[in-house]
Amino acid sequence: MSLARRLAVPSEYLPLHKYLDGRYADTVVLTFVDLEALLGFELPADARLQTAWWSNLDSDDVSSPQSGAWIQAHRTARPNLPARIVTFERVPG
């Protein structure tokens, strides 16, 4: 079973998943403000300060709760913290 099929999307990140899943573009760039508007809450401090928050796995190789939103939408997340944007790229296949 693929990683994408094993991960559930926590309810607080479901709006991001639905947004990314509904985009036809291979690349979607969202500002932190855009993300907060979609989610309805402020991103945690770690999301603003640590690129690791945006990885698919945490330090123990366990999927992070938020990563299910983009993994289930068949995307990766690449943050640019100084610019306060995240680029979500479609995963081929």
C-alpha atoms as a PDB file:
ATOM      1  CA  MET A   1       0.000   0.000   0.000  1.00  0.00           C
ATOM      2  CA  SER A   2       1.390   3.429  -0.899  1.00  0.00           C
ATOM      3  CA  LEU A   3       2.174   6.084   1.705  1.00  0.00           C
ATOM      4  CA  ALA A   4      -0.578   8.304   0.279  1.00  0.00           C
ATOM      5  CA  ARG A   5      -3.232   5.645   0.832  1.00  0.00           C
ATOM      6  CA  ARG A   6      -2.156   4.997   4.430  1.00  0.00           C
ATOM      7  CA  LEU A   7      -2.325   8.621   5.588  1.00  0.00           C
ATOM      8  CA  ALA A   8      -5.512  10.160   6.815  1.00  0.00           C
ATOM      9  CA  VAL A   9      -6.030  13.892   6.514  1.00  0.00           C
ATOM     10  CA  PRO A  10      -6.793  15.430   9.917  1.00  0.00           C
ATOM     11  CA  SER A  11      -9.951  17.518   9.835  1.00  0.00           C
ATOM     12  CA  GLU A  12      -8.118  20.786  10.501  1.00  0.00           C
ATOM     13  CA  TYR A  13      -6.030  20.275   7.320  1.00  0.00           C
ATOM     14  CA  LEU A  14      -8.887  18.968   5.153  1.00  0.00           C
ATOM     15  CA  PRO A  15      -9.543  22.380   3.524  1.00  0.00           C
ATOM     16  CA  LEU A  16      -5.936  22.476   2.288  1.00  0.00           C
ATOM     17  CA  HIS A  17      -6.221  18.941   0.957  1.00  0.00           C
ATOM     18  CA  LYS A  18      -9.447  19.723  -0.901  1.00  0.00           C
ATOM     19  CA  TYR A  19      -7.942  22.887  -2.368  1.00  0.00           C
ATOM     20  CA  LEU A  20      -4.772  21.152  -3.598  1.00  0.00           C
ATOM     21  CA  ASP A  21      -6.649  18.101  -4.839  1.00  0.00           C
ATOM     22  CA  GLY A  22      -8.951  20.313  -6.905  1.00  0.00           C
ATOM     23  CA  ARG A  23      -6.172  22.189  -8.714  1.00  0.00           C
ATOM     24  CA  TYR A  24      -5.241  21.073 -12.218  1.00  0.00           C
ATOM     25  CA  ALA A  25      -1.922  22.931 -12.243  1.00  0.00           C
ATOM     26  CA  ASP A  26       1.151  20.837 -11.503  1.00  0.00           C
ATOM     27  CA  THR A  27       2.525  23.658  -9.352  1.00  0.00           C
ATOM     28  CA  VAL A  28       0.498  25.570  -6.763  1.00  0.00           C
ATOM     29  CA  VAL A  29       2.127  28.409  -4.814  1.00  0.00           C
ATOM     30  CA  LEU A  30       0.406  29.668  -1.672  1.00  0.00           C
ATOM     31  CA  THR A  31       1.458  32.390   0.720  1.00  0.00           C
ATOM     32  CA  PHE A  32       1.220  31.806   4.443  1.00  0.00           C
ATOM     33  CA  VAL A  33      -1.704  34.259   4.432  1.00  0.00           C
ATOM     34  CA  ASP A  34      -3.435  32.161   1.729  1.00  0.00           C
ATOM     35  CA  LEU A  35      -2.854  28.997   3.747  1.00  0.00           C
ATOM     36  CA  GLU A  36      -4.227  30.546   6.919  1.00  0.00           C
ATOM     37  CA  ALA A  37      -7.300  31.756   5.052  1.00  0.00           C
ATOM     38  CA  LEU A  38      -7.896  28.243   3.684  1.00  0.00           C
ATOM     39  CA  LEU A  39      -7.366  26.577   7.046  1.00  0.00           C
ATOM     40  CA  GLY A  40      -9.186  29.145   9.146  1.00  0.00           C
ATOM     41  CA  PHE A  41      -6.400  29.374  11.712  1.00  0.00           C
ATOM     42  CA  GLU A  42      -2.888  30.751  12.047  1.00  0.00           C
ATOM     43  CA  LEU A  43      -0.042  28.449  11.071  1.00  0.00           C
ATOM     44  CA  PRO A  44       1.991  27.246  14.052  1.00  0.00           C
ATOM     45  CA  ALA A  45       5.314  28.944  14.769  1.00  0.00           C
ATOM     46  CA  ASP A  46       7.211  25.846  13.582  1.00  0.00           C
ATOM     47  CA  ALA A  47       5.622  26.204  10.126  1.00  0.00           C
ATOM     48  CA  ARG A  48       7.050  29.720   9.887  1.00  0.00           C
ATOM     49  CA  LEU A  49      10.486  28.879  11.290  1.00  0.00           C
ATOM     50  CA  GLN A  50      11.372  25.283  10.357  1.00  0.00           C
ATOM     51  CA  THR A  51      11.423  23.739   6.895  1.00  0.00           C
ATOM     52  CA  ALA A  52      11.117  20.346   8.617  1.00  0.00           C
ATOM     53  CA  TRP A  53       7.479  21.168   9.477  1.00  0.00           C
ATOM     54  CA  TRP A  54       6.759  20.951   5.747  1.00  0.00           C
ATOM     55  CA  SER A  55       8.394  17.558   5.219  1.00  0.00           C
ATOM     56  CA  ASN A  56       6.398  14.399   4.692  1.00  0.00           C
ATOM     57  CA  LEU A  57       7.973  12.710   7.722  1.00  0.00           C
ATOM     58  CA  ASP A  58       8.967  13.972  11.150  1.00  0.00           C
ATOM     59  CA  SER A  59      12.294  13.280  12.868  1.00  0.00           C
ATOM     60  CA  ASP A  60      11.125   9.767  13.844  1.00  0.00           C
ATOM     61  CA  ASP A  61      10.184   8.926  10.213  1.00  0.00           C
ATOM     62  CA  VAL A  62       6.523   9.161  11.104  1.00  0.00           C
ATOM     63  CA  SER A  63       4.226  11.111   8.826  1.00  0.00           C
ATOM     64  CA  SER A  64       3.256  14.482  10.227  1.00  0.00           C
ATOM     65  CA  PRO A  65      -0.437  15.302  10.672  1.00  0.00           C
ATOM     66  CA  GLN A  66      -0.292  18.229   8.237  1.00  0.00           C
ATOM     67  CA  SER A  67       1.573  16.305   5.525  1.00  0.00           C
ATOM     68  CA  GLY A  68      -1.477  14.151   4.863  1.00  0.00           C
ATOM     69  CA  ALA A  69      -3.119  17.199   3.274  1.00  0.00           C
ATOM     70  CA  TRP A  70      -0.593  17.411   0.456  1.00  0.00           C
ATOM     71  CA  ILE A  71       0.408  13.741   0.250  1.00  0.00           C
ATOM     72  CA  GLN A  72      -3.221  12.689  -0.276  1.00  0.00           C
ATOM     73  CA  ALA A  73      -3.423  15.354  -3.011  1.00  0.00           C
ATOM     74  CA  HIS A  74      -0.353  13.747  -4.635  1.00  0.00           C
ATOM     75  CA  ARG A  75       1.920  16.696  -3.965  1.00  0.00           C
ATOM     76  CA  THR A  76       5.102  17.638  -2.179  1.00  0.00           C
ATOM     77  CA  ALA A  77       5.557  20.834  -0.182  1.00  0.00           C
ATOM     78  CA  ARG A  78       8.604  23.082  -0.599  1.00  0.00           C
ATOM     79  CA  PRO A  79       8.588  26.113   1.709  1.00  0.00           C
ATOM     80  CA  ASN A  80      10.430  29.368   1.195  1.00  0.00           C
ATOM     81  CA  LEU A  81      10.329  30.638   4.759  1.00  0.00           C
ATOM     82  CA  PRO A  82      11.853  34.115   4.160  1.00  0.00           C
ATOM     83  CA  ALA A  83       9.317  34.749   1.368  1.00  0.00           C
ATOM     84  CA  ARG A  84       6.500  33.163   3.426  1.00  0.00           C
ATOM     85  CA  ILE A  85       5.330  30.954   0.569  1.00  0.00           C
ATOM     86  CA  VAL A  86       4.990  27.229  -0.036  1.00  0.00           C
ATOM     87  CA  THR A  87       5.209  25.576  -3.434  1.00  0.00           C
ATOM     88  CA  PHE A  88       3.181  22.398  -3.792  1.00  0.00           C
ATOM     89  CA  GLU A  89       4.346  20.221  -6.707  1.00  0.00           C
ATOM     90  CA  ARG A  90       2.371  17.353  -8.179  1.00  0.00           C
ATOM     91  CA  VAL A  91       4.046  13.974  -7.752  1.00  0.00           C
ATOM     92  CA  PRO A  92       4.220  12.157 -11.111  1.00  0.00           C
ATOM     93  CA  GLY A  93       2.398   8.897 -11.459  1.00  0.00           C
END
